[in-house]
């Protein structure tokens, strides 16, 4: 790690960071130190979201963490709110180019626009618009990292407007549970305070008193070492990614992208520490970012790509809701068998099924219902790969099964009743 030796003008900031040291409270306070590094290594913009995860989420300390992060760059009003139109957020993002944008209370933005705004902030450009003459106006552009907070996550907020969050949106705004698991909301160490509320008040007072100087000193140091930094940043970010992904079997591109973003946050914290801006021991920002990355990974359900996770959940949900539409194969021709409205296939309990049932689903039902919204061919291949769908002996995703009421064997999709419960990927 490069040693930045210029005397830091933010000496008083040490009184603040003593309360949010990564050893005791490993949260994303030092995101502001990472934002200026994007330009140096050509990294993409992106964000993080602190999501309340308890019945007392509104007092978990999320806003206090935001205030502490804001204090690196400026006074308390550096912290912004989600309560804005997408147009005004474009202007706000442009003003925060190469810096951190801090947005509190996700629920204040229109849920219909939330997903598109997350895309917009992470993609680094606003909408193309025309002026009165029909000529194109200049498009607003920026490069930044943003830190959001809210009692609910992006997907839940969008769901209130009957909109569905896509994998790209969730990757661009990586969600971290606000509850650190120690019983104090976002905090893990209260530094001799009696409870989380008292510690949050102490931290907020410190952020309002000591602020602004660290970022100015940090930028001066980056400028002084401009020639050496790109190589060092890349090397240290890659080291972080290697540590973060250690033990994960075939991590997806989505997980790698988020790990790299956490890696820049780790490098920013370490550079600020090397410049005497934090008072933290060397390596603590790296370890704290690893803790936050693991919290994100655990909260999303492991390293499996989001699209695969969504598809598998959709398939399992279909069977939970519609298994009564599968007729028992061995009773199908029984005059006393119950009627099966809107029959979707058959189910069987063969002797060689290792204690589980087999579900035979009609092809059109599979395409129109079970994997609705996904390409059926791609979905079937993925389900085979995950051990949820049983291929035939030639590797085809459907099998020829002799079914009651049909003169010839029918091609159907064959599922085992456990639906691949052991097939989930993860660290």
Protein backbone atom coordinates (compact mmCIF):
# COMPACT_ATOMS: atom_id res chain seq x y z
CA UNK A 1 0.00 0.00 0.00
CA UNK A 2 1.29 3.45 -0.94
CA UNK A 3 2.12 5.65 2.02
CA UNK A 4 0.60 9.12 1.74
CA UNK A 5 2.65 11.28 4.03
CA UNK A 6 1.21 14.81 3.67
CA UNK A 7 0.04 16.21 7.02
CA UNK A 8 -3.75 15.80 7.14
CA UNK A 9 -5.69 18.98 7.81
CA UNK A 10 -8.55 16.88 9.11
CA UNK A 11 -6.95 16.10 12.45
CA UNK A 12 -10.19 16.77 14.34
CA UNK A 13 -11.88 14.20 12.20
CA UNK A 14 -10.11 11.61 14.32
CA UNK A 15 -12.60 12.35 17.09
CA UNK A 16 -15.35 11.24 14.76
CA UNK A 17 -13.78 8.19 13.16
CA UNK A 18 -12.87 6.88 16.60
CA UNK A 19 -16.59 6.16 16.96
CA UNK A 20 -17.01 4.51 13.57
CA UNK A 21 -13.77 2.60 13.35
CA UNK A 22 -14.11 -0.44 11.10
CA UNK A 23 -12.84 -2.68 13.87
CA UNK A 24 -15.93 -1.96 15.96
CA UNK A 25 -18.51 -0.73 13.45
CA UNK A 26 -17.74 -2.00 9.95
CA UNK A 27 -20.18 0.05 7.88
CA UNK A 28 -19.79 2.10 4.72
CA UNK A 29 -18.79 5.39 6.38
CA UNK A 30 -15.68 5.81 4.26
CA UNK A 31 -17.44 5.49 0.87
CA UNK A 32 -16.49 9.13 0.22
CA UNK A 33 -12.82 8.14 0.06
CA UNK A 34 -13.60 5.63 -2.73
CA UNK A 35 -15.57 7.89 -5.08
CA UNK A 36 -12.58 9.88 -6.45
CA UNK A 37 -10.84 6.59 -7.32
CA UNK A 38 -13.37 5.70 -10.03
CA UNK A 39 -11.77 8.10 -12.50
CA UNK A 40 -8.24 6.88 -11.77
CA UNK A 41 -9.01 3.28 -12.75
CA UNK A 42 -11.91 3.76 -15.15
CA UNK A 43 -14.37 2.02 -12.81
CA UNK A 44 -18.13 2.27 -13.22
CA UNK A 45 -20.45 4.17 -10.92
CA UNK A 46 -22.60 2.26 -8.48
CA UNK A 47 -24.25 2.34 -5.12
CA UNK A 48 -25.02 0.70 -1.81
CA UNK A 49 -28.24 0.66 0.18
CA UNK A 50 -28.57 0.19 3.93
CA UNK A 51 -31.84 -1.66 4.41
CA UNK A 52 -33.67 -1.76 7.73
CA UNK A 53 -34.06 -5.37 8.80
CA UNK A 54 -36.06 -5.34 12.02
CA UNK A 55 -39.36 -4.14 13.47
CA UNK A 56 -37.38 -1.22 14.87
CA UNK A 57 -35.74 -0.46 11.52
CA UNK A 58 -36.60 3.23 11.65
CA UNK A 59 -34.25 3.73 14.62
CA UNK A 60 -31.47 1.34 13.63
CA UNK A 61 -28.89 4.07 13.02
CA UNK A 62 -29.00 4.20 9.21
CA UNK A 63 -29.31 7.98 9.03
CA UNK A 64 -26.56 8.37 11.63
CA UNK A 65 -24.23 6.34 9.44
CA UNK A 66 -25.20 8.61 6.54
CA UNK A 67 -24.35 11.70 8.59
CA UNK A 68 -20.98 10.27 9.52
CA UNK A 69 -20.24 9.52 5.87
CA UNK A 70 -21.34 13.03 4.88
CA UNK A 71 -19.01 14.59 7.44
CA UNK A 72 -16.01 13.41 5.43
CA UNK A 73 -16.99 15.81 2.67
CA UNK A 74 -18.89 18.61 4.35
CA UNK A 75 -21.45 19.83 6.90
CA UNK A 76 -24.65 17.97 7.83
CA UNK A 77 -26.58 19.36 4.85
CA UNK A 78 -24.25 17.43 2.53
CA UNK A 79 -26.64 14.56 3.26
CA UNK A 80 -29.43 14.57 0.66
CA UNK A 81 -32.87 12.94 0.53
CA UNK A 82 -34.53 10.63 -1.98
CA UNK A 83 -37.53 12.98 -1.93
CA UNK A 84 -36.99 14.37 -5.42
CA UNK A 85 -37.98 13.86 -9.04
CA UNK A 86 -35.70 11.92 -11.36
CA UNK A 87 -34.90 15.22 -13.13
CA UNK A 88 -33.69 16.89 -9.94
CA UNK A 89 -31.72 13.79 -9.00
CA UNK A 90 -29.90 14.08 -12.34
CA UNK A 91 -28.81 17.59 -11.43
CA UNK A 92 -27.84 16.44 -7.93
CA UNK A 93 -25.77 13.59 -9.34
CA UNK A 94 -23.96 15.95 -11.72
CA UNK A 95 -23.08 18.21 -8.77
CA UNK A 96 -21.56 15.20 -6.96
CA UNK A 97 -19.35 14.09 -9.85
CA UNK A 98 -16.24 12.23 -8.55
CA UNK A 99 -17.65 12.38 -5.03
CA UNK A 100 -20.09 10.46 -2.86
CA UNK A 101 -23.82 11.08 -3.13
CA UNK A 102 -25.66 10.26 0.11
CA UNK A 103 -29.42 9.73 -0.10
CA UNK A 104 -31.57 9.07 2.93
CA UNK A 105 -35.08 7.51 3.11
CA UNK A 106 -35.65 5.51 -0.08
CA UNK A 107 -39.39 5.35 0.57
CA UNK A 108 -39.66 9.08 -0.24
CA UNK A 109 -39.12 8.53 -3.97
CA UNK A 110 -42.02 7.42 -6.16
CA UNK A 111 -41.85 3.59 -6.24
CA UNK A 112 -42.73 3.68 -9.95
CA UNK A 113 -39.53 5.61 -10.65
CA UNK A 114 -37.21 4.03 -8.06
CA UNK A 115 -35.83 1.27 -10.27
CA UNK A 116 -35.09 3.55 -13.22
CA UNK A 117 -33.42 6.10 -10.95
CA UNK A 118 -31.17 3.38 -9.51
CA UNK A 119 -30.16 2.49 -13.08
CA UNK A 120 -29.64 6.15 -13.94
CA UNK A 121 -27.39 6.95 -10.97
CA UNK A 122 -25.24 3.86 -11.56
CA UNK A 123 -25.05 4.31 -15.33
CA UNK A 124 -23.65 7.82 -14.98
CA UNK A 125 -25.91 9.73 -17.35
CA UNK A 126 -29.34 11.29 -17.46
CA UNK A 127 -32.07 11.25 -20.08
CA UNK A 128 -31.64 12.64 -23.57
CA UNK A 129 -34.05 15.55 -24.02
CA UNK A 130 -34.97 18.01 -26.75
CA UNK A 131 -35.32 21.77 -26.42
CA UNK A 132 -38.16 23.85 -27.84
CA UNK A 133 -36.65 23.68 -31.31
CA UNK A 134 -36.36 19.92 -31.25
CA UNK A 135 -32.58 20.01 -30.91
CA UNK A 136 -30.93 17.79 -28.34
CA UNK A 137 -30.01 19.28 -24.99
CA UNK A 138 -26.66 18.36 -23.44
CA UNK A 139 -27.01 15.14 -21.47
CA UNK A 140 -25.99 15.38 -17.81
CA UNK A 141 -23.15 13.01 -16.96
CA UNK A 142 -21.38 12.05 -13.76
CA UNK A 143 -19.14 9.47 -12.12
CA UNK A 144 -19.87 8.70 -8.48
CA UNK A 145 -20.66 6.24 -5.72
CA UNK A 146 -23.91 6.65 -3.83
CA UNK A 147 -24.98 5.43 -0.41
CA UNK A 148 -28.70 5.07 0.19
CA UNK A 149 -30.73 4.08 3.23
CA UNK A 150 -34.29 3.11 3.94
CA UNK A 151 -36.55 0.91 6.00
CA UNK A 152 -37.17 -1.33 2.98
CA UNK A 153 -35.12 -2.38 -0.03
CA UNK A 154 -35.47 -1.41 -3.66
CA UNK A 155 -37.41 -4.53 -4.70
CA UNK A 156 -39.92 -4.16 -1.86
CA UNK A 157 -40.38 -0.46 -2.57
CA UNK A 158 -40.99 -1.10 -6.27
CA UNK A 159 -43.43 -3.88 -5.41
CA UNK A 160 -45.74 -1.35 -3.74
CA UNK A 161 -46.34 0.01 -7.26
CA UNK A 162 -46.64 -3.50 -8.74
CA UNK A 163 -43.24 -3.17 -10.38
CA UNK A 164 -40.59 -5.87 -10.35
CA UNK A 165 -36.94 -5.21 -9.61
CA UNK A 166 -34.52 -6.68 -12.12
CA UNK A 167 -31.14 -8.19 -11.40
CA UNK A 168 -29.32 -5.25 -12.96
CA UNK A 169 -30.99 -2.82 -10.60
CA UNK A 170 -30.15 -4.88 -7.54
CA UNK A 171 -26.51 -5.22 -8.61
CA UNK A 172 -26.18 -1.50 -9.26
CA UNK A 173 -27.50 -0.74 -5.77
CA UNK A 174 -26.12 -3.48 -3.53
CA UNK A 175 -28.23 -3.84 -0.39
CA UNK A 176 -26.65 -4.35 3.02
CA UNK A 177 -28.81 -5.21 6.06
CA UNK A 178 -28.78 -2.27 8.47
CA UNK A 179 -28.93 -4.62 11.44
CA UNK A 180 -25.35 -5.63 12.24
CA UNK A 181 -26.59 -8.43 14.49
CA UNK A 182 -25.25 -7.16 17.83
CA UNK A 183 -28.56 -5.80 19.10
CA UNK A 184 -27.62 -2.15 18.47
CA UNK A 185 -28.97 -1.66 14.94
CA UNK A 186 -26.20 -0.59 12.57
CA UNK A 187 -23.66 -0.56 15.37
CA UNK A 188 -21.64 -3.35 16.90
CA UNK A 189 -19.70 -1.39 19.50
CA UNK A 190 -21.14 1.48 21.57
CA UNK A 191 -17.85 2.92 22.89
CA UNK A 192 -19.03 3.11 26.51
CA UNK A 193 -22.46 4.53 25.69
CA UNK A 194 -25.44 2.87 27.46
CA UNK A 195 -27.45 2.10 24.33
CA UNK A 196 -27.62 2.56 20.58
CA UNK A 197 -29.67 5.76 20.79
CA UNK A 198 -27.09 7.47 23.00
CA UNK A 199 -24.27 6.37 20.75
CA UNK A 200 -26.12 7.58 17.64
CA UNK A 201 -26.63 10.99 19.28
CA UNK A 202 -22.94 11.22 20.19
CA UNK A 203 -21.94 10.27 16.66
CA UNK A 204 -24.35 12.78 15.09
CA UNK A 205 -23.02 15.57 17.32
CA UNK A 206 -19.46 14.69 16.34
CA UNK A 207 -20.36 14.69 12.65
CA UNK A 208 -21.95 18.13 12.99
CA UNK A 209 -18.88 19.50 14.77
CA UNK A 210 -15.99 18.00 12.80
CA UNK A 211 -16.47 17.80 9.04
CA UNK A 212 -15.16 18.67 5.60
CA UNK A 213 -11.40 18.86 6.07
CA UNK A 214 -10.62 15.15 5.45
CA UNK A 215 -11.92 15.13 1.87
CA UNK A 216 -9.96 18.25 0.87
CA UNK A 217 -6.76 16.80 2.34
CA UNK A 218 -7.46 13.45 0.70
CA UNK A 219 -7.87 15.00 -2.77
CA UNK A 220 -4.58 16.88 -2.36
CA UNK A 221 -2.86 13.60 -1.56
CA UNK A 222 -4.41 11.85 -4.56
CA UNK A 223 -3.23 14.67 -6.85
CA UNK A 224 0.29 14.53 -5.46
CA UNK A 225 0.53 10.77 -6.14
CA UNK A 226 -1.52 10.79 -9.34
CA UNK A 227 1.05 8.89 -11.44
CA UNK A 228 1.46 5.95 -9.05
CA UNK A 229 -2.10 5.52 -7.88
CA UNK A 230 -3.85 3.73 -10.78
CA UNK A 231 -1.55 0.72 -10.55
CA UNK A 232 -1.78 0.58 -6.76
CA UNK A 233 -5.56 0.94 -6.71
CA UNK A 234 -6.02 -1.87 -9.24
CA UNK A 235 -3.65 -4.19 -7.41
CA UNK A 236 -5.25 -3.61 -4.02
CA UNK A 237 -8.78 -3.83 -5.44
CA UNK A 238 -7.92 -7.14 -7.13
CA UNK A 239 -6.47 -8.41 -3.85
CA UNK A 240 -9.74 -7.54 -2.12
CA UNK A 241 -11.79 -9.29 -4.81
CA UNK A 242 -9.63 -12.38 -4.45
CA UNK A 243 -10.17 -12.38 -0.67
CA UNK A 244 -13.90 -11.71 -1.00
CA UNK A 245 -14.49 -14.50 -3.51
CA UNK A 246 -12.29 -17.05 -1.79
CA UNK A 247 -14.31 -20.22 -1.25
CA UNK A 248 -17.08 -19.27 -3.67
CA UNK A 249 -17.52 -21.83 -6.42
CA UNK A 250 -17.64 -20.18 -9.85
CA UNK A 251 -18.78 -16.70 -8.76
CA UNK A 252 -21.04 -14.97 -11.27
CA UNK A 253 -20.18 -11.74 -13.06
CA UNK A 254 -22.73 -9.94 -10.88
CA UNK A 255 -20.98 -10.99 -7.69
CA UNK A 256 -17.59 -10.00 -9.12
CA UNK A 257 -18.90 -6.54 -10.05
CA UNK A 258 -20.20 -5.89 -6.56
CA UNK A 259 -17.03 -7.29 -4.99
CA UNK A 260 -14.98 -4.87 -7.10
CA UNK A 261 -17.12 -1.96 -5.87
CA UNK A 262 -16.60 -3.00 -2.26
CA UNK A 263 -12.93 -3.34 -3.15
CA UNK A 264 -12.70 0.31 -4.15
CA UNK A 265 -14.31 1.27 -0.84
CA UNK A 266 -11.67 -0.82 0.95
CA UNK A 267 -8.84 0.79 -1.04
CA UNK A 268 -10.22 4.28 -0.39
CA UNK A 269 -10.29 3.60 3.35
CA UNK A 270 -6.76 2.23 3.31
CA UNK A 271 -5.42 5.20 1.32
CA UNK A 272 -7.06 7.61 3.75
CA UNK A 273 -5.56 5.65 6.63
CA UNK A 274 -2.11 5.78 5.03
CA UNK A 275 -2.55 9.56 4.76
CA UNK A 276 -3.22 9.92 8.51
CA UNK A 277 -6.86 10.84 7.93
CA UNK A 278 -8.61 8.15 9.93
CA UNK A 279 -6.53 6.91 12.84
CA UNK A 280 -7.36 3.34 11.89
CA UNK A 281 -4.72 0.59 11.83
CA UNK A 282 -3.59 -0.57 8.42
CA UNK A 283 -5.82 -3.31 7.03
CA UNK A 284 -8.94 -2.45 9.03
CA UNK A 285 -10.78 -0.80 6.14
CA UNK A 286 -10.04 -3.89 4.04
CA UNK A 287 -11.46 -6.22 6.69
CA UNK A 288 -14.49 -4.01 7.30
CA UNK A 289 -15.35 -3.96 3.60
CA UNK A 290 -15.06 -7.76 3.57
CA UNK A 291 -17.57 -7.88 6.43
CA UNK A 292 -20.01 -5.68 4.51
CA UNK A 293 -19.55 -7.69 1.30
CA UNK A 294 -20.30 -10.91 3.14
CA UNK A 295 -23.41 -9.30 4.67
CA UNK A 296 -24.57 -8.35 1.16
CA UNK A 297 -23.85 -11.85 -0.16
CA UNK A 298 -25.70 -13.54 2.70
CA UNK A 299 -28.70 -11.22 2.35
CA UNK A 300 -29.06 -11.92 -1.39
CA UNK A 301 -29.02 -15.69 -0.80
CA UNK A 302 -25.50 -16.58 -1.92
CA UNK A 303 -23.44 -16.26 -5.07
CA UNK A 304 -25.98 -17.70 -7.51
CA UNK A 305 -26.83 -15.14 -10.24
CA UNK A 306 -29.93 -13.09 -9.45
CA UNK A 307 -31.77 -14.18 -12.60
CA UNK A 308 -31.25 -17.84 -11.71
CA UNK A 309 -32.36 -17.25 -8.14
CA UNK A 310 -35.51 -15.50 -9.33
CA UNK A 311 -36.34 -18.28 -11.80
CA UNK A 312 -35.85 -21.04 -9.23
CA UNK A 313 -38.02 -19.16 -6.73
CA UNK A 314 -40.70 -18.70 -9.40
CA UNK A 315 -40.72 -22.42 -10.25
CA UNK A 316 -40.96 -23.44 -6.60
CA UNK A 317 -43.75 -20.95 -6.02
CA UNK A 318 -45.69 -22.34 -8.98
CA UNK A 319 -45.61 -25.84 -7.53
CA UNK A 320 -46.56 -24.55 -4.09
CA UNK A 321 -49.61 -22.88 -5.60
CA UNK A 322 -50.61 -25.39 -8.29
CA UNK A 323 -49.58 -28.90 -7.24
CA UNK A 324 -53.32 -29.69 -6.92
CA UNK A 325 -53.55 -29.30 -10.71
CA UNK A 326 -51.44 -32.43 -11.16
CA UNK A 327 -53.51 -35.62 -11.41
CA UNK A 328 -52.30 -38.81 -9.74
CA UNK A 329 -51.00 -40.97 -12.59
CA UNK A 330 -52.01 -44.30 -11.05
CA UNK A 331 -55.60 -43.09 -10.39
CA UNK A 332 -56.20 -41.14 -13.57
CA UNK A 333 -58.60 -43.72 -15.05
CA UNK A 334 -60.36 -44.45 -11.76
CA UNK A 335 -64.06 -43.58 -12.04
CA UNK A 336 -63.99 -42.31 -8.45
CA UNK A 337 -60.89 -40.13 -8.83
CA UNK A 338 -61.53 -36.46 -8.04
CA UNK A 339 -61.79 -33.98 -10.86
CA UNK A 340 -58.70 -31.83 -11.51
CA UNK A 341 -59.72 -28.45 -12.93
CA UNK A 342 -57.22 -26.84 -15.30
CA UNK A 343 -55.04 -29.94 -15.23
CA UNK A 344 -51.36 -29.07 -15.73
CA UNK A 345 -49.97 -32.62 -15.83
CA UNK A 346 -49.56 -35.67 -13.63
CA UNK A 347 -47.76 -36.72 -10.46
CA UNK A 348 -46.46 -40.17 -9.62
CA UNK A 349 -44.83 -42.06 -6.77
CA UNK A 350 -42.73 -44.68 -8.55
CA UNK A 351 -40.79 -47.29 -6.64
CA UNK A 352 -37.47 -46.02 -8.00
CA UNK A 353 -38.04 -42.36 -7.06
CA UNK A 354 -35.95 -42.58 -3.86
CA UNK A 355 -38.89 -41.59 -1.68
CA UNK A 356 -39.86 -38.55 -3.71
CA UNK A 357 -42.67 -37.79 -6.12
CA UNK A 358 -42.26 -37.11 -9.82
CA UNK A 359 -44.17 -34.27 -11.46
CA UNK A 360 -44.93 -34.47 -15.19
CA UNK A 361 -45.79 -30.99 -16.48
CA UNK A 362 -47.30 -30.34 -19.91
CA UNK A 363 -45.05 -28.40 -22.26
CA UNK A 364 -47.40 -25.47 -22.84
CA UNK A 365 -48.09 -25.15 -19.13
CA UNK A 366 -44.35 -25.04 -18.52
CA UNK A 367 -43.84 -22.33 -21.12
CA UNK A 368 -46.88 -20.17 -20.37
CA UNK A 369 -47.02 -20.50 -16.58
CA UNK A 370 -44.12 -22.20 -14.79
CA UNK A 371 -41.38 -20.10 -16.44
CA UNK A 372 -43.54 -17.17 -17.54
CA UNK A 373 -41.42 -14.13 -18.35
CA UNK A 374 -38.31 -16.21 -19.13
CA UNK A 375 -37.10 -17.80 -22.35
CA UNK A 376 -38.45 -21.39 -22.03
CA UNK A 377 -35.44 -23.02 -23.69
CA UNK A 378 -32.90 -21.17 -21.57
CA UNK A 379 -34.99 -21.68 -18.43
CA UNK A 380 -35.22 -25.43 -19.01
CA UNK A 381 -31.46 -25.74 -19.48
CA UNK A 382 -30.81 -23.79 -16.32
CA UNK A 383 -33.24 -25.93 -14.32
CA UNK A 384 -31.52 -29.07 -15.60
CA UNK A 385 -28.15 -27.65 -14.59
CA UNK A 386 -29.48 -26.89 -11.11
CA UNK A 387 -30.85 -30.41 -10.67
CA UNK A 388 -34.47 -29.24 -10.60
CA UNK A 389 -35.53 -30.63 -13.99
CA UNK A 390 -34.82 -34.24 -15.00
CA UNK A 391 -33.49 -34.59 -18.60
CA UNK A 392 -33.89 -37.71 -20.70
CA UNK A 393 -31.10 -40.15 -21.48
CA UNK A 394 -30.00 -38.04 -24.47
CA UNK A 395 -29.82 -34.83 -22.43
CA UNK A 396 -33.04 -33.31 -23.77
CA UNK A 397 -34.95 -31.18 -21.30
CA UNK A 398 -38.19 -33.12 -21.84
CA UNK A 399 -38.85 -36.84 -21.47
CA UNK A 400 -41.20 -39.19 -23.32
CA UNK A 401 -43.58 -40.58 -20.71
CA UNK A 402 -46.54 -42.90 -21.25
CA UNK A 403 -49.47 -41.15 -19.57
CA UNK A 404 -53.05 -42.29 -18.93
CA UNK A 405 -55.51 -41.20 -21.60
CA UNK A 406 -52.88 -40.79 -24.35
CA UNK A 407 -52.35 -43.43 -27.04
CA UNK A 408 -48.66 -42.52 -27.47
CA UNK A 409 -45.89 -41.42 -25.07
CA UNK A 410 -45.96 -37.67 -24.47
CA UNK A 411 -43.04 -35.29 -24.08
CA UNK A 412 -43.34 -33.56 -20.72
CA UNK A 413 -41.10 -31.73 -18.27
CA UNK A 414 -40.18 -34.00 -15.36
CA UNK A 415 -39.54 -32.55 -11.89
CA UNK A 416 -38.71 -34.26 -8.62
CA UNK A 417 -40.77 -33.12 -5.67
CA UNK A 418 -37.75 -31.73 -3.76
CA UNK A 419 -37.28 -29.25 -6.66
CA UNK A 420 -33.53 -29.27 -6.22
CA UNK A 421 -33.54 -28.04 -2.60
CA UNK A 422 -29.83 -28.90 -2.35
CA UNK A 423 -28.95 -27.21 -5.63
CA UNK A 424 -28.60 -23.65 -4.33
CA UNK A 425 -25.16 -22.22 -4.88
CA UNK A 426 -23.30 -20.07 -2.42
CA UNK A 427 -20.05 -19.48 -0.62
